[in-house]
Protein backbone atom coordinates (compact mmCIF):
# COMPACT_ATOMS: atom_id res chain seq x y z
CA UNK A 1 122.09 4.88 119.83
CA UNK A 2 123.88 7.26 117.53
CA UNK A 3 122.23 5.65 114.52
CA UNK A 4 118.79 6.13 116.06
CA UNK A 5 119.63 9.77 116.83
CA UNK A 6 120.58 10.49 113.23
CA UNK A 7 117.45 8.80 111.91
CA UNK A 8 115.31 10.93 114.30
CA UNK A 9 117.15 14.18 113.45
CA UNK A 10 116.63 13.78 109.70
CA UNK A 11 112.82 14.44 109.66
CA UNK A 12 113.09 17.04 112.46
CA UNK A 13 115.24 19.52 110.51
CA UNK A 14 112.67 20.11 107.73
CA UNK A 15 109.98 20.50 110.35
CA UNK A 16 112.01 23.17 112.11
CA UNK A 17 112.64 24.99 108.80
CA UNK A 18 108.92 24.90 107.99
CA UNK A 19 108.09 26.29 111.40
CA UNK A 20 110.69 29.04 111.15
CA UNK A 21 110.20 30.10 107.53
CA UNK A 22 106.79 28.77 106.56
CA UNK A 23 104.45 30.51 108.98
CA UNK A 24 104.18 34.30 108.98
CA UNK A 25 101.82 37.03 110.13
CA UNK A 26 100.42 40.08 108.36
CA UNK A 27 99.88 43.15 110.53
CA UNK A 28 96.65 45.06 110.76
CA UNK A 29 96.03 47.61 107.93
CA UNK A 30 98.56 45.80 105.73
CA UNK A 31 98.22 43.53 102.70
CA UNK A 32 101.04 41.49 101.16
CA UNK A 33 101.53 39.94 97.75
CA UNK A 34 102.86 36.36 97.61
CA UNK A 35 104.77 35.19 94.55
CA UNK A 36 105.81 31.61 93.74
CA UNK A 37 108.87 31.36 91.57
CA UNK A 38 108.37 35.03 90.60
CA UNK A 39 104.72 34.62 89.62
CA UNK A 40 101.75 36.13 91.43
CA UNK A 41 100.35 33.62 93.89
CA UNK A 42 97.93 35.29 96.32
CA UNK A 43 96.93 38.39 98.28
CA UNK A 44 97.18 37.93 102.03
CA UNK A 45 95.45 40.21 104.53
CA UNK A 46 95.99 40.64 108.27
CA UNK A 47 96.41 37.40 110.26
CA UNK A 48 98.53 34.19 110.43
CA UNK A 49 99.42 32.55 107.09
CA UNK A 50 101.61 29.77 105.68
CA UNK A 51 103.89 29.70 102.65
CA UNK A 52 106.31 27.20 101.34
CA UNK A 53 109.81 28.12 102.51
CA UNK A 54 112.20 29.12 99.72
CA UNK A 55 109.41 28.69 97.18
CA UNK A 56 106.86 31.32 98.07
CA UNK A 57 108.17 34.86 98.58
CA UNK A 58 106.66 38.10 99.91
CA UNK A 59 106.84 40.29 96.79
CA UNK A 60 105.33 43.52 98.11
CA UNK A 61 103.60 44.95 101.18
CA UNK A 62 100.85 47.54 100.84
CA UNK A 63 99.72 49.83 103.66
CA UNK A 64 95.94 50.20 103.63
CA UNK A 65 95.93 53.39 105.71
CA UNK A 66 95.46 56.84 104.22
CA UNK A 67 98.78 58.03 102.85
CA UNK A 68 100.03 61.41 101.72
CA UNK A 69 102.24 62.22 98.77
CA UNK A 70 103.89 65.67 98.66
CA UNK A 71 105.38 67.28 95.59
CA UNK A 72 106.64 70.75 94.58
CA UNK A 73 106.11 71.82 90.97
CA UNK A 74 107.83 74.80 89.36
CA UNK A 75 105.87 76.71 86.75
CA UNK A 76 105.56 80.24 85.36
CA UNK A 77 102.63 82.61 85.26
CA UNK A 78 101.22 84.68 82.44
CA UNK A 79 103.75 87.45 83.24
CA UNK A 80 106.61 84.90 83.06
CA UNK A 81 107.04 84.94 86.85
CA UNK A 82 108.30 81.59 88.17
CA UNK A 83 106.44 80.09 91.12
CA UNK A 84 106.83 76.91 93.16
CA UNK A 85 103.51 75.18 93.86
CA UNK A 86 103.38 72.69 96.74
CA UNK A 87 100.77 69.95 96.26
CA UNK A 88 99.71 67.27 98.73
CA UNK A 89 97.77 64.20 97.57
CA UNK A 90 95.95 62.09 100.15
CA UNK A 91 95.14 58.61 98.90
CA UNK A 92 94.77 54.96 99.91
CA UNK A 93 94.70 51.54 98.21
CA UNK A 94 91.32 50.04 97.52
CA UNK A 95 91.15 46.72 99.44
CA UNK A 96 89.20 45.17 96.59
CA UNK A 97 91.76 46.20 93.97
CA UNK A 98 95.07 45.23 95.55
CA UNK A 99 96.01 43.10 92.53
CA UNK A 100 95.48 46.14 90.23
CA UNK A 101 97.68 48.26 92.50
CA UNK A 102 100.30 45.48 92.44
CA UNK A 103 100.33 45.62 88.65
CA UNK A 104 100.54 49.42 88.55
CA UNK A 105 104.25 50.13 88.45
CA UNK A 106 105.63 53.19 90.33
CA UNK A 107 102.33 54.94 91.12
CA UNK A 108 103.97 57.99 92.76
CA UNK A 109 105.97 58.76 89.65
CA UNK A 110 102.80 58.58 87.58
CA UNK A 111 100.98 60.91 90.00
CA UNK A 112 103.92 63.31 89.74
CA UNK A 113 103.60 63.33 85.96
CA UNK A 114 99.86 64.04 86.09
CA UNK A 115 100.31 66.87 88.61
CA UNK A 116 103.09 68.47 86.55
CA UNK A 117 100.97 68.25 83.42
CA UNK A 118 97.96 69.96 85.04
CA UNK A 119 99.87 72.77 86.73
CA UNK A 120 102.12 73.57 83.77
CA UNK A 121 99.09 73.84 81.51
CA UNK A 122 96.88 75.85 83.87
CA UNK A 123 99.23 78.31 85.62
CA UNK A 124 100.60 79.95 82.43
CA UNK A 125 97.04 81.10 81.73
CA UNK A 126 96.87 83.00 85.03
CA UNK A 127 98.62 86.10 86.31
CA UNK A 128 100.44 85.91 89.62
CA UNK A 129 97.57 87.35 91.67
CA UNK A 130 95.05 85.02 90.03
CA UNK A 131 97.28 82.04 90.82
CA UNK A 132 96.85 82.69 94.54
CA UNK A 133 93.11 83.27 94.18
CA UNK A 134 92.54 80.11 92.11
CA UNK A 135 94.59 77.61 94.08
CA UNK A 136 91.45 75.71 95.12
CA UNK A 137 90.37 75.43 91.49
CA UNK A 138 93.82 74.08 90.60
CA UNK A 139 93.49 71.47 93.36
CA UNK A 140 90.10 70.37 92.04
CA UNK A 141 91.52 70.07 88.53
CA UNK A 142 94.40 67.90 89.76
CA UNK A 143 92.03 65.72 91.79
CA UNK A 144 89.78 65.14 88.78
CA UNK A 145 92.74 64.06 86.62
CA UNK A 146 94.16 61.74 89.30
CA UNK A 147 90.79 60.09 89.93
CA UNK A 148 90.33 59.51 86.24
CA UNK A 149 93.72 57.84 85.83
CA UNK A 150 94.47 56.26 89.23
CA UNK A 151 91.18 54.96 90.58
CA UNK A 152 90.85 52.15 88.05
CA UNK A 153 94.32 50.95 89.10
CA UNK A 154 93.38 50.48 92.74
CA UNK A 155 94.26 53.93 94.16
CA UNK A 156 91.49 55.98 95.77
CA UNK A 157 92.21 59.73 95.65
CA UNK A 158 90.64 61.23 98.77
CA UNK A 159 91.82 64.82 98.64
CA UNK A 160 94.24 67.13 96.85
CA UNK A 161 95.56 70.33 98.45
CA UNK A 162 97.67 73.15 97.00
CA UNK A 163 99.34 73.95 100.31
CA UNK A 164 101.63 76.73 99.14
CA UNK A 165 102.41 78.98 96.18
CA UNK A 166 105.85 80.52 96.52
CA UNK A 167 107.06 83.09 93.96
CA UNK A 168 110.71 83.59 93.16
CA UNK A 169 112.56 85.48 95.91
CA UNK A 170 113.25 88.48 93.66
CA UNK A 171 109.59 88.67 92.63
CA UNK A 172 108.49 88.36 96.25
CA UNK A 173 110.68 91.32 97.24
CA UNK A 174 109.20 93.40 94.42
CA UNK A 175 105.66 92.48 95.49
CA UNK A 176 106.42 93.44 99.08
CA UNK A 177 107.81 96.78 97.92
CA UNK A 178 104.72 97.45 95.79
CA UNK A 179 102.39 96.58 98.67
CA UNK A 180 104.35 98.82 101.03
CA UNK A 181 104.14 101.70 98.53
CA UNK A 182 100.38 101.18 98.15
CA UNK A 183 99.90 101.24 101.92
CA UNK A 184 102.01 104.39 102.20
CA UNK A 185 100.00 106.03 99.42
CA UNK A 186 96.76 105.16 101.19
CA UNK A 187 98.09 106.56 104.46
CA UNK A 188 99.08 109.83 102.76
CA UNK A 189 95.65 110.09 101.12
CA UNK A 190 93.94 109.58 104.47
CA UNK A 191 96.21 112.15 106.09
CA UNK A 192 95.46 114.67 103.31
CA UNK A 193 91.74 114.02 103.63
CA UNK A 194 92.00 114.56 107.39
CA UNK A 195 93.79 117.90 106.90
CA UNK A 196 91.16 118.94 104.36
CA UNK A 197 88.34 118.08 106.74
CA UNK A 198 90.04 120.03 109.53
CA UNK A 199 90.55 123.06 107.26
CA UNK A 200 86.93 122.96 106.03
CA UNK A 201 85.64 122.62 109.59
CA UNK A 202 87.81 125.53 110.74
CA UNK A 203 86.66 127.71 107.81
CA UNK A 204 83.02 126.84 108.49
CA UNK A 205 83.51 127.63 112.17
CA UNK A 206 85.09 131.00 111.33
CA UNK A 207 82.30 131.78 108.88
CA UNK A 208 79.68 130.85 111.44
CA UNK A 209 81.47 132.96 114.05
CA UNK A 210 81.54 136.00 111.77
CA UNK A 211 77.94 135.39 110.82
CA UNK A 212 76.87 135.30 114.45
CA UNK A 213 79.00 138.36 115.25
CA UNK A 214 77.36 140.23 112.35
CA UNK A 215 73.92 139.25 113.56
CA UNK A 216 74.79 140.37 117.07
CA UNK A 217 76.14 143.71 115.83
CA UNK A 218 73.08 144.21 113.66
CA UNK A 219 70.74 143.46 116.56
CA UNK A 220 72.79 145.78 118.78
CA UNK A 221 72.55 148.59 116.23
CA UNK A 222 68.82 148.02 115.78
CA UNK A 223 68.25 148.13 119.52
CA UNK A 224 70.22 151.39 119.77
CA UNK A 225 68.16 152.88 116.97
CA UNK A 226 64.96 151.71 118.62
CA UNK A 227 66.10 153.30 121.89
CA UNK A 228 66.76 156.64 120.22
CA UNK A 229 63.41 156.52 118.42
CA UNK A 230 61.56 155.70 121.64
CA UNK A 231 63.43 158.49 123.43
CA UNK A 232 62.56 160.94 120.63
CA UNK A 233 58.92 159.94 120.88
CA UNK A 234 58.95 160.41 124.66
CA UNK A 235 60.61 163.85 124.42
CA UNK A 236 58.23 164.88 121.66
CA UNK A 237 55.31 164.04 123.91
CA UNK A 238 56.96 166.16 126.61
CA UNK A 239 56.98 169.18 124.29
CA UNK A 240 60.56 168.96 123.00
CA UNK A 241 60.89 169.06 119.27
CA UNK A 242 62.66 166.13 117.54
CA UNK A 243 65.64 168.24 116.34
CA UNK A 244 66.20 169.58 119.85
CA UNK A 245 65.99 166.09 121.33
CA UNK A 246 68.43 164.74 118.74
CA UNK A 247 70.89 167.53 119.52
CA UNK A 248 70.63 166.70 123.21
CA UNK A 249 71.40 163.01 122.53
CA UNK A 250 74.33 163.99 120.33
CA UNK A 251 75.73 166.31 122.96
CA UNK A 252 75.40 163.72 125.76
CA UNK A 253 76.94 160.95 123.68
CA UNK A 254 79.92 163.11 122.71
CA UNK A 255 80.46 164.23 126.30
CA UNK A 256 80.28 160.70 127.75
CA UNK A 257 82.80 159.27 125.31
CA UNK A 258 85.50 161.93 125.86
CA UNK A 259 88.59 160.50 127.48
CA UNK A 260 87.49 156.87 126.90
CA UNK A 261 88.90 154.23 124.62
CA UNK A 262 85.49 153.31 123.19
CA UNK A 263 85.44 155.94 120.45
CA UNK A 264 84.18 153.62 117.71
CA UNK A 265 80.92 153.19 119.63
CA UNK A 266 80.56 156.99 119.89
CA UNK A 267 81.09 157.45 116.18
CA UNK A 268 78.58 154.67 115.54
CA UNK A 269 76.02 156.45 117.70
CA UNK A 270 76.80 159.70 115.95
CA UNK A 271 76.19 158.09 112.58
CA UNK A 272 72.87 156.71 113.76
CA UNK A 273 71.79 160.05 115.15
CA UNK A 274 72.92 161.80 112.00
CA UNK A 275 70.73 159.50 109.90
CA UNK A 276 67.77 160.01 112.20
CA UNK A 277 68.24 163.74 112.09
CA UNK A 278 68.53 163.68 108.32
CA UNK A 279 65.02 162.32 108.17
CA UNK A 280 63.80 165.21 110.29
CA UNK A 281 65.80 167.64 108.19
CA UNK A 282 63.53 166.91 105.24
CA UNK A 283 60.55 167.85 107.38
CA UNK A 284 62.19 171.18 108.24
CA UNK A 285 62.18 172.23 104.61
CA UNK A 286 58.39 172.33 104.74
CA UNK A 287 57.60 173.31 108.32
CA UNK A 288 54.05 173.23 109.53
CA UNK A 289 52.71 176.64 110.38
CA UNK A 290 50.96 175.23 113.45
CA UNK A 291 54.12 173.50 114.81
CA UNK A 292 54.87 174.41 118.44
CA UNK A 293 58.63 173.87 118.24
CA UNK A 294 61.60 175.85 116.91
CA UNK A 295 63.97 174.82 114.16
CA UNK A 296 67.42 174.09 115.50
CA UNK A 297 70.48 174.56 113.31
CA UNK A 298 73.23 171.98 113.88
CA UNK A 299 76.57 171.04 112.35
CA UNK A 300 80.05 169.66 113.10
CA UNK A 301 82.88 171.50 114.77
CA UNK A 302 86.59 171.26 113.97
CA UNK A 303 86.95 168.08 116.05
CA UNK A 304 84.37 166.37 113.86
CA UNK A 305 81.89 166.17 116.77
CA UNK A 306 78.22 166.88 116.13
CA UNK A 307 76.56 169.42 118.46
CA UNK A 308 74.19 172.36 118.76
CA UNK A 309 75.64 175.73 117.67
CA UNK A 310 72.70 178.07 117.12
CA UNK A 311 68.94 178.35 117.33
């Protein structure tokens, strides 16, 4: 019985080894490379597969999903300011060119070299401000170079992003100080412009006020003069000569303003009357022989008030 058992166990052991180490599965979105004695054997995609135990080996596994490679490159601008540029490369392996990707040794290191070469040749031509404004153009330049050199080797470059441009800390502090000063300057300019507008508006308002006051005073004076002239005409029609009527107005105006605080108005009226009477004074020099009125002599007393003194 023992002899039969040993004879039955002998072919069973290799079968168990084949079952344990010969069959294998490849997961979805993965591709593996099989080598036999160190030499490329086959490309295996997702599913159940068989290899010879201890003879065939899984050399490499490729993920067919979209992958991302991040890198930070240090470079300097035209003003010799150092900046750190963060670049993200989104890529995947072409399912039809897995063998080419297998032969392409260390692809990430090669992508790093291409990215460094592009950025360190382009950024020194730009000033710091232009570097921020042209980050999309830098990304397009990197993408074009990677496609040219990587696509033939089985790597599809889907997108390239310059995710960040970080100046040196000292330079960043200087830029923040300059921006703060510019904002403060703008605020001061706006404040000065506001004060100027307020001053101009106030001056214009004062000028308009004085203009309106002058117009009002002029109209008031004109109306007073018109009133005196109309009164003179009415008294003349009643038989009172113009000089007599003017003397009466002067006497009444002087009497009404005594003991009041409105003396400037009285002097204004006196000036008006004096001018009116001056016009009549010229007529007195050549009196009409047929005139039915008497010439009245008038003058000013010691208190500088105009009145009638003699006939």
